[in-house]
Amino acid sequence: MPVTAEDLDRAIRAAFPVSHLEIEDQSSGCGSSYAILLVSEVFAGKNTLARHRLINQALKQEISQLHAFSQKSYTPTQYAEYLAKSG
């Protein structure tokens, strides 16, 4: 059974305090490739590798069923700065 965006949303929200979450199905609907953008205060003081490891561990079951998975992770402050630069 393919992984759905709802499956990922549920697993992420169960594992992290979420300030903002975007989930994009990049597989034209077949559920084999997703990109996420996750904003959480839990990432404060952690480098990119540590953040990705946290996400990978929390989504281990879901990721194992995917062909591709990409992620961006920000603290709320970093995300506000990101939005200000791209706005």
PDB file of N, CA and C in Angstrom:
ATOM      1  N   MET A   1       0.842  -1.182   0.000  1.00  0.00           N
ATOM      2  CA  MET A   1       0.000   0.000   0.000  1.00  0.00           C
ATOM      3  C   MET A   1       0.885   1.243   0.000  1.00  0.00           C
ATOM      4  N   PRO A   2       0.642   2.172  -0.924  1.00  0.00           N
ATOM      5  CA  PRO A   2       1.502   3.351  -0.997  1.00  0.00           C
ATOM      6  C   PRO A   2       1.338   4.260   0.218  1.00  0.00           C
ATOM      7  N   VAL A   3       2.380   5.000   0.494  1.00  0.00           N
ATOM      8  CA  VAL A   3       2.358   5.983   1.575  1.00  0.00           C
ATOM      9  C   VAL A   3       1.616   7.212   1.055  1.00  0.00           C
ATOM     10  N   THR A   4       0.718   7.740   1.861  1.00  0.00           N
ATOM     11  CA  THR A   4      -0.021   8.939   1.473  1.00  0.00           C
ATOM     12  C   THR A   4       0.528  10.158   2.213  1.00  0.00           C
ATOM     13  N   ALA A   5       0.179  11.317   1.714  1.00  0.00           N
ATOM     14  CA  ALA A   5       0.567  12.553   2.393  1.00  0.00           C
ATOM     15  C   ALA A   5      -0.038  12.582   3.799  1.00  0.00           C
ATOM     16  N   GLU A   6      -1.224  12.025   3.936  1.00  0.00           N
ATOM     17  CA  GLU A   6      -1.876  11.972   5.252  1.00  0.00           C
ATOM     18  C   GLU A   6      -1.101  11.073   6.217  1.00  0.00           C
ATOM     19  N   ASP A   7      -0.560   9.971   5.703  1.00  0.00           N
ATOM     20  CA  ASP A   7       0.273   9.096   6.538  1.00  0.00           C
ATOM     21  C   ASP A   7       1.486   9.855   7.067  1.00  0.00           C
ATOM     22  N   LEU A   8       2.152  10.577   6.171  1.00  0.00           N
ATOM     23  CA  LEU A   8       3.327  11.350   6.576  1.00  0.00           C
ATOM     24  C   LEU A   8       2.945  12.447   7.555  1.00  0.00           C
ATOM     25  N   ASP A   9       1.863  13.143   7.283  1.00  0.00           N
ATOM     26  CA  ASP A   9       1.400  14.214   8.162  1.00  0.00           C
ATOM     27  C   ASP A   9       1.151  13.671   9.564  1.00  0.00           C
ATOM     28  N   ARG A  10       0.448  12.563   9.650  1.00  0.00           N
ATOM     29  CA  ARG A  10       0.121  11.949  10.948  1.00  0.00           C
ATOM     30  C   ARG A  10       1.393  11.565  11.704  1.00  0.00           C
ATOM     31  N   ALA A  11       2.336  10.920  11.008  1.00  0.00           N
ATOM     32  CA  ALA A  11       3.571  10.465  11.656  1.00  0.00           C
ATOM     33  C   ALA A  11       4.427  11.642  12.116  1.00  0.00           C
ATOM     34  N   ILE A  12       4.509  12.681  11.292  1.00  0.00           N
ATOM     35  CA  ILE A  12       5.312  13.853  11.653  1.00  0.00           C
ATOM     36  C   ILE A  12       4.715  14.563  12.855  1.00  0.00           C
ATOM     37  N   ARG A  13       3.407  14.769  12.827  1.00  0.00           N
ATOM     38  CA  ARG A  13       2.758  15.483  13.937  1.00  0.00           C
ATOM     39  C   ARG A  13       2.790  14.672  15.234  1.00  0.00           C
ATOM     40  N   ALA A  14       2.862  13.358  15.136  1.00  0.00           N
ATOM     41  CA  ALA A  14       2.978  12.521  16.334  1.00  0.00           C
ATOM     42  C   ALA A  14       4.385  12.595  16.927  1.00  0.00           C
ATOM     43  N   ALA A  15       5.384  12.886  16.087  1.00  0.00           N
ATOM     44  CA  ALA A  15       6.781  12.855  16.539  1.00  0.00           C
ATOM     45  C   ALA A  15       7.351  14.225  16.899  1.00  0.00           C
ATOM     46  N   PHE A  16       6.783  15.300  16.331  1.00  0.00           N
ATOM     47  CA  PHE A  16       7.375  16.628  16.505  1.00  0.00           C
ATOM     48  C   PHE A  16       6.304  17.669  16.837  1.00  0.00           C
ATOM     49  N   PRO A  17       6.699  18.687  17.640  1.00  0.00           N
ATOM     50  CA  PRO A  17       5.810  19.845  17.780  1.00  0.00           C
ATOM     51  C   PRO A  17       5.959  20.671  16.494  1.00  0.00           C
ATOM     52  N   VAL A  18       4.911  20.746  15.707  1.00  0.00           N
ATOM     53  CA  VAL A  18       4.981  21.343  14.364  1.00  0.00           C
ATOM     54  C   VAL A  18       4.490  22.788  14.385  1.00  0.00           C
ATOM     55  N   SER A  19       5.353  23.696  13.912  1.00  0.00           N
ATOM     56  CA  SER A  19       4.940  25.087  13.711  1.00  0.00           C
ATOM     57  C   SER A  19       4.383  25.277  12.305  1.00  0.00           C
ATOM     58  N   HIS A  20       4.982  24.571  11.349  1.00  0.00           N
ATOM     59  CA  HIS A  20       4.541  24.643   9.954  1.00  0.00           C
ATOM     60  C   HIS A  20       4.982  23.359   9.261  1.00  0.00           C
ATOM     61  N   LEU A  21       4.143  22.850   8.370  1.00  0.00           N
ATOM     62  CA  LEU A  21       4.465  21.621   7.658  1.00  0.00           C
ATOM     63  C   LEU A  21       3.916  21.692   6.248  1.00  0.00           C
ATOM     64  N   GLU A  22       4.774  21.389   5.281  1.00  0.00           N
ATOM     65  CA  GLU A  22       4.352  21.266   3.890  1.00  0.00           C
ATOM     66  C   GLU A  22       4.784  19.887   3.414  1.00  0.00           C
ATOM     67  N   ILE A  23       3.876  19.178   2.770  1.00  0.00           N
ATOM     68  CA  ILE A  23       4.171  17.861   2.214  1.00  0.00           C
ATOM     69  C   ILE A  23       3.791  17.897   0.745  1.00  0.00           C
ATOM     70  N   GLU A  24       4.741  17.592  -0.113  1.00  0.00           N
ATOM     71  CA  GLU A  24       4.497  17.615  -1.549  1.00  0.00           C
ATOM     72  C   GLU A  24       4.722  16.228  -2.141  1.00  0.00           C
ATOM     73  N   ASP A  25       3.681  15.694  -2.771  1.00  0.00           N
ATOM     74  CA  ASP A  25       3.804  14.426  -3.484  1.00  0.00           C
ATOM     75  C   ASP A  25       4.439  14.742  -4.836  1.00  0.00           C
ATOM     76  N   GLN A  26       5.673  14.303  -5.027  1.00  0.00           N
ATOM     77  CA  GLN A  26       6.407  14.583  -6.258  1.00  0.00           C
ATOM     78  C   GLN A  26       6.357  13.418  -7.235  1.00  0.00           C
ATOM     79  N   SER A  27       5.439  12.485  -6.997  1.00  0.00           N
ATOM     80  CA  SER A  27       5.369  11.276  -7.819  1.00  0.00           C
ATOM     81  C   SER A  27       4.113  11.228  -8.686  1.00  0.00           C
ATOM     82  N   SER A  28       3.505  12.354  -8.920  1.00  0.00           N
ATOM     83  CA  SER A  28       2.277  12.421  -9.727  1.00  0.00           C
ATOM     84  C   SER A  28       1.144  11.577  -9.139  1.00  0.00           C
ATOM     85  N   GLY A  29       1.113  11.473  -7.825  1.00  0.00           N
ATOM     86  CA  GLY A  29      -0.004  10.815  -7.168  1.00  0.00           C
ATOM     87  C   GLY A  29       0.174   9.353  -6.808  1.00  0.00           C
ATOM     88  N   CYS A  30       1.294   8.730  -7.196  1.00  0.00           N
ATOM     89  CA  CYS A  30       1.437   7.304  -6.885  1.00  0.00           C
ATOM     90  C   CYS A  30       2.012   7.067  -5.486  1.00  0.00           C
ATOM     91  N   GLY A  31       2.465   8.130  -4.799  1.00  0.00           N
ATOM     92  CA  GLY A  31       2.913   7.990  -3.423  1.00  0.00           C
ATOM     93  C   GLY A  31       4.291   7.395  -3.248  1.00  0.00           C
ATOM     94  N   SER A  32       5.167   7.533  -4.243  1.00  0.00           N
ATOM     95  CA  SER A  32       6.500   6.947  -4.109  1.00  0.00           C
ATOM     96  C   SER A  32       7.597   7.982  -3.879  1.00  0.00           C
ATOM     97  N   SER A  33       7.248   9.270  -3.951  1.00  0.00           N
ATOM     98  CA  SER A  33       8.251  10.320  -3.810  1.00  0.00           C
ATOM     99  C   SER A  33       7.628  11.540  -3.142  1.00  0.00           C
ATOM    100  N   TYR A  34       8.212  11.933  -2.022  1.00  0.00           N
ATOM    101  CA  TYR A  34       7.694  13.082  -1.282  1.00  0.00           C
ATOM    102  C   TYR A  34       8.820  14.028  -0.906  1.00  0.00           C
ATOM    103  N   ALA A  35       8.457  15.305  -0.808  1.00  0.00           N
ATOM    104  CA  ALA A  35       9.335  16.328  -0.265  1.00  0.00           C
ATOM    105  C   ALA A  35       8.576  16.985   0.890  1.00  0.00           C
ATOM    106  N   ILE A  36       9.270  17.214   1.992  1.00  0.00           N
ATOM    107  CA  ILE A  36       8.626  17.883   3.121  1.00  0.00           C
ATOM    108  C   ILE A  36       9.429  19.117   3.513  1.00  0.00           C
ATOM    109  N   LEU A  37       8.727  20.068   4.083  1.00  0.00           N
ATOM    110  CA  LEU A  37       9.329  21.217   4.733  1.00  0.00           C
ATOM    111  C   LEU A  37       8.714  21.230   6.129  1.00  0.00           C
ATOM    112  N   LEU A  38       9.556  21.090   7.134  1.00  0.00           N
ATOM    113  CA  LEU A  38       9.095  20.985   8.518  1.00  0.00           C
ATOM    114  C   LEU A  38       9.731  22.082   9.355  1.00  0.00           C
ATOM    115  N   VAL A  39       8.887  22.817  10.058  1.00  0.00           N
ATOM    116  CA  VAL A  39       9.347  23.869  10.962  1.00  0.00           C
ATOM    117  C   VAL A  39       8.968  23.443  12.380  1.00  0.00           C
ATOM    118  N   SER A  40       9.989  23.364  13.240  1.00  0.00           N
ATOM    119  CA  SER A  40       9.741  22.945  14.621  1.00  0.00           C
ATOM    120  C   SER A  40      10.810  23.524  15.537  1.00  0.00           C
ATOM    121  N   GLU A  41      10.418  23.877  16.738  1.00  0.00           N
ATOM    122  CA  GLU A  41      11.385  24.388  17.710  1.00  0.00           C
ATOM    123  C   GLU A  41      12.341  23.297  18.191  1.00  0.00           C
ATOM    124  N   VAL A  42      12.015  22.045  17.955  1.00  0.00           N
ATOM    125  CA  VAL A  42      12.884  20.945  18.370  1.00  0.00           C
ATOM    126  C   VAL A  42      14.228  20.980  17.621  1.00  0.00           C
ATOM    127  N   PHE A  43      14.279  21.693  16.499  1.00  0.00           N
ATOM    128  CA  PHE A  43      15.510  21.765  15.708  1.00  0.00           C
ATOM    129  C   PHE A  43      16.503  22.814  16.221  1.00  0.00           C
ATOM    130  N   ALA A  44      16.114  23.610  17.188  1.00  0.00           N
ATOM    131  CA  ALA A  44      16.998  24.648  17.719  1.00  0.00           C
ATOM    132  C   ALA A  44      18.288  24.022  18.252  1.00  0.00           C
ATOM    133  N   GLY A  45      19.409  24.573  17.812  1.00  0.00           N
ATOM    134  CA  GLY A  45      20.712  24.104  18.276  1.00  0.00           C
ATOM    135  C   GLY A  45      21.217  22.853  17.571  1.00  0.00           C
ATOM    136  N   LYS A  46      20.467  22.353  16.598  1.00  0.00           N
ATOM    137  CA  LYS A  46      20.891  21.142  15.884  1.00  0.00           C
ATOM    138  C   LYS A  46      21.291  21.505  14.458  1.00  0.00           C
ATOM    139  N   ASN A  47      22.353  20.872  13.970  1.00  0.00           N
ATOM    140  CA  ASN A  47      22.769  21.115  12.593  1.00  0.00           C
ATOM    141  C   ASN A  47      21.868  20.322  11.638  1.00  0.00           C
ATOM    142  N   THR A  48      22.061  20.545  10.343  1.00  0.00           N
ATOM    143  CA  THR A  48      21.203  19.916   9.339  1.00  0.00           C
ATOM    144  C   THR A  48      21.229  18.395   9.431  1.00  0.00           C
ATOM    145  N   LEU A  49      22.403  17.816   9.594  1.00  0.00           N
ATOM    146  CA  LEU A  49      22.511  16.358   9.676  1.00  0.00           C
ATOM    147  C   LEU A  49      21.724  15.813  10.870  1.00  0.00           C
ATOM    148  N   ALA A  50      21.841  16.450  12.019  1.00  0.00           N
ATOM    149  CA  ALA A  50      21.114  16.001  13.212  1.00  0.00           C
ATOM    150  C   ALA A  50      19.600  16.114  13.000  1.00  0.00           C
ATOM    151  N   ARG A  51      19.172  17.171  12.342  1.00  0.00           N
ATOM    152  CA  ARG A  51      17.740  17.351  12.062  1.00  0.00           C
ATOM    153  C   ARG A  51      17.239  16.247  11.138  1.00  0.00           C
ATOM    154  N   HIS A  52      18.005  15.978  10.082  1.00  0.00           N
ATOM    155  CA  HIS A  52      17.592  14.946   9.133  1.00  0.00           C
ATOM    156  C   HIS A  52      17.560  13.572   9.793  1.00  0.00           C
ATOM    157  N   ARG A  53      18.492  13.322  10.675  1.00  0.00           N
ATOM    158  CA  ARG A  53      18.483  12.031  11.386  1.00  0.00           C
ATOM    159  C   ARG A  53      17.233  11.894  12.260  1.00  0.00           C
ATOM    160  N   LEU A  54      16.854  12.974  12.921  1.00  0.00           N
ATOM    161  CA  LEU A  54      15.628  12.945  13.739  1.00  0.00           C
ATOM    162  C   LEU A  54      14.411  12.623  12.883  1.00  0.00           C
ATOM    163  N   ILE A  55      14.308  13.294  11.750  1.00  0.00           N
ATOM    164  CA  ILE A  55      13.165  13.076  10.854  1.00  0.00           C
ATOM    165  C   ILE A  55      13.203  11.660  10.284  1.00  0.00           C
ATOM    166  N   ASN A  56      14.373  11.230   9.820  1.00  0.00           N
ATOM    167  CA  ASN A  56      14.503   9.882   9.249  1.00  0.00           C
ATOM    168  C   ASN A  56      14.129   8.810  10.265  1.00  0.00           C
ATOM    169  N   GLN A  57      14.534   9.002  11.511  1.00  0.00           N
ATOM    170  CA  GLN A  57      14.208   8.025  12.553  1.00  0.00           C
ATOM    171  C   GLN A  57      12.701   8.000  12.813  1.00  0.00           C
ATOM    172  N   ALA A  58      12.093   9.174  12.881  1.00  0.00           N
ATOM    173  CA  ALA A  58      10.650   9.247  13.161  1.00  0.00           C
ATOM    174  C   ALA A  58       9.816   8.670  12.018  1.00  0.00           C
ATOM    175  N   LEU A  59      10.331   8.771  10.791  1.00  0.00           N
ATOM    176  CA  LEU A  59       9.579   8.316   9.617  1.00  0.00           C
ATOM    177  C   LEU A  59      10.180   7.060   8.995  1.00  0.00           C
ATOM    178  N   LYS A  60      10.928   6.305   9.783  1.00  0.00           N
ATOM    179  CA  LYS A  60      11.639   5.134   9.265  1.00  0.00           C
ATOM    180  C   LYS A  60      10.717   4.192   8.487  1.00  0.00           C
ATOM    181  N   GLN A  61       9.589   3.886   9.045  1.00  0.00           N
ATOM    182  CA  GLN A  61       8.644   2.949   8.412  1.00  0.00           C
ATOM    183  C   GLN A  61       8.129   3.499   7.081  1.00  0.00           C
ATOM    184  N   GLU A  62       7.738   4.780   7.078  1.00  0.00           N
ATOM    185  CA  GLU A  62       7.193   5.388   5.869  1.00  0.00           C
ATOM    186  C   GLU A  62       8.272   5.539   4.781  1.00  0.00           C
ATOM    187  N   ILE A  63       9.454   5.999   5.170  1.00  0.00           N
ATOM    188  CA  ILE A  63      10.536   6.217   4.203  1.00  0.00           C
ATOM    189  C   ILE A  63      10.959   4.909   3.550  1.00  0.00           C
ATOM    190  N   SER A  64      10.915   3.820   4.287  1.00  0.00           N
ATOM    191  CA  SER A  64      11.334   2.525   3.728  1.00  0.00           C
ATOM    192  C   SER A  64      10.442   2.093   2.563  1.00  0.00           C
ATOM    193  N   GLN A  65       9.248   2.668   2.458  1.00  0.00           N
ATOM    194  CA  GLN A  65       8.317   2.308   1.395  1.00  0.00           C
ATOM    195  C   GLN A  65       8.364   3.289   0.214  1.00  0.00           C
ATOM    196  N   LEU A  66       9.221   4.314   0.314  1.00  0.00           N
ATOM    197  CA  LEU A  66       9.287   5.340  -0.720  1.00  0.00           C
ATOM    198  C   LEU A  66      10.465   5.126  -1.658  1.00  0.00           C
ATOM    199  N   HIS A  67      10.327   5.641  -2.850  1.00  0.00           N
ATOM    200  CA  HIS A  67      11.432   5.643  -3.809  1.00  0.00           C
ATOM    201  C   HIS A  67      12.356   6.824  -3.535  1.00  0.00           C
ATOM    202  N   ALA A  68      11.776   7.980  -3.185  1.00  0.00           N
ATOM    203  CA  ALA A  68      12.562   9.185  -2.927  1.00  0.00           C
ATOM    204  C   ALA A  68      11.899  10.001  -1.820  1.00  0.00           C
ATOM    205  N   PHE A  69      12.748  10.640  -0.998  1.00  0.00           N
ATOM    206  CA  PHE A  69      12.262  11.467   0.098  1.00  0.00           C
ATOM    207  C   PHE A  69      13.258  12.596   0.306  1.00  0.00           C
ATOM    208  N   SER A  70      12.784  13.819   0.230  1.00  0.00           N
ATOM    209  CA  SER A  70      13.660  14.962   0.509  1.00  0.00           C
ATOM    210  C   SER A  70      13.034  15.798   1.613  1.00  0.00           C
ATOM    211  N   GLN A  71      13.881  16.487   2.337  1.00  0.00           N
ATOM    212  CA  GLN A  71      13.395  17.230   3.489  1.00  0.00           C
ATOM    213  C   GLN A  71      14.157  18.526   3.681  1.00  0.00           C
ATOM    214  N   LYS A  72      13.431  19.511   4.161  1.00  0.00           N
ATOM    215  CA  LYS A  72      14.005  20.772   4.618  1.00  0.00           C
ATOM    216  C   LYS A  72      13.474  20.972   6.021  1.00  0.00           C
ATOM    217  N   SER A  73      14.344  21.395   6.915  1.00  0.00           N
ATOM    218  CA  SER A  73      13.928  21.580   8.303  1.00  0.00           C
ATOM    219  C   SER A  73      14.451  22.915   8.819  1.00  0.00           C
ATOM    220  N   TYR A  74      13.573  23.630   9.502  1.00  0.00           N
ATOM    221  CA  TYR A  74      13.897  24.951  10.023  1.00  0.00           C
ATOM    222  C   TYR A  74      13.362  25.100  11.440  1.00  0.00           C
ATOM    223  N   THR A  75      14.012  25.973  12.194  1.00  0.00           N
ATOM    224  CA  THR A  75      13.412  26.442  13.437  1.00  0.00           C
ATOM    225  C   THR A  75      12.411  27.526  13.027  1.00  0.00           C
ATOM    226  N   PRO A  76      11.491  27.900  13.904  1.00  0.00           N
ATOM    227  CA  PRO A  76      10.549  28.973  13.547  1.00  0.00           C
ATOM    228  C   PRO A  76      11.261  30.281  13.156  1.00  0.00           C
ATOM    229  N   THR A  77      12.332  30.623  13.848  1.00  0.00           N
ATOM    230  CA  THR A  77      13.087  31.843  13.526  1.00  0.00           C
ATOM    231  C   THR A  77      13.731  31.736  12.151  1.00  0.00           C
ATOM    232  N   GLN A  78      14.348  30.596  11.862  1.00  0.00           N
ATOM    233  CA  GLN A  78      14.968  30.398  10.555  1.00  0.00           C
ATOM    234  C   GLN A  78      13.932  30.441   9.438  1.00  0.00           C
ATOM    235  N   TYR A  79      12.763  29.885   9.690  1.00  0.00           N
ATOM    236  CA  TYR A  79      11.724  29.876   8.672  1.00  0.00           C
ATOM    237  C   TYR A  79      11.222  31.291   8.402  1.00  0.00           C
ATOM    238  N   ALA A  80      11.078  32.102   9.442  1.00  0.00           N
ATOM    239  CA  ALA A  80      10.675  33.484   9.260  1.00  0.00           C
ATOM    240  C   ALA A  80      11.708  34.238   8.434  1.00  0.00           C
ATOM    241  N   GLU A  81      12.991  33.976   8.683  1.00  0.00           N
ATOM    242  CA  GLU A  81      14.058  34.595   7.894  1.00  0.00           C
ATOM    243  C   GLU A  81      14.014  34.118   6.448  1.00  0.00           C
ATOM    244  N   TYR A  82      13.769  32.830   6.247  1.00  0.00           N
ATOM    245  CA  TYR A  82      13.653  32.248   4.912  1.00  0.00           C
ATOM    246  C   TYR A  82      12.515  32.908   4.140  1.00  0.00           C
ATOM    247  N   LEU A  83      11.372  33.080   4.792  1.00  0.00           N
ATOM    248  CA  LEU A  83      10.223  33.719   4.144  1.00  0.00           C
ATOM    249  C   LEU A  83      10.517  35.184   3.813  1.00  0.00           C
ATOM    250  N   ALA A  84      11.214  35.867   4.703  1.00  0.00           N
ATOM    251  CA  ALA A  84      11.539  37.286   4.470  1.00  0.00           C
ATOM    252  C   ALA A  84      12.463  37.431   3.259  1.00  0.00           C
ATOM    253  N   LYS A  85      13.393  36.500   3.097  1.00  0.00           N
ATOM    254  CA  LYS A  85      14.325  36.553   1.967  1.00  0.00           C
ATOM    255  C   LYS A  85      13.639  36.198   0.653  1.00  0.00           C
ATOM    256  N   SER A  86      12.695  35.258   0.708  1.00  0.00           N
ATOM    257  CA  SER A  86      12.057  34.825  -0.535  1.00  0.00           C
ATOM    258  C   SER A  86      10.829  35.664  -0.890  1.00  0.00           C
ATOM    259  N   GLY A  87      10.406  36.514   0.026  1.00  0.00           N
ATOM    260  CA  GLY A  87       9.181  37.275  -0.157  1.00  0.00           C
ATOM    261  C   GLY A  87       9.293  38.452  -0.996  1.00  0.00           C
TER     262      GLY A  87
END
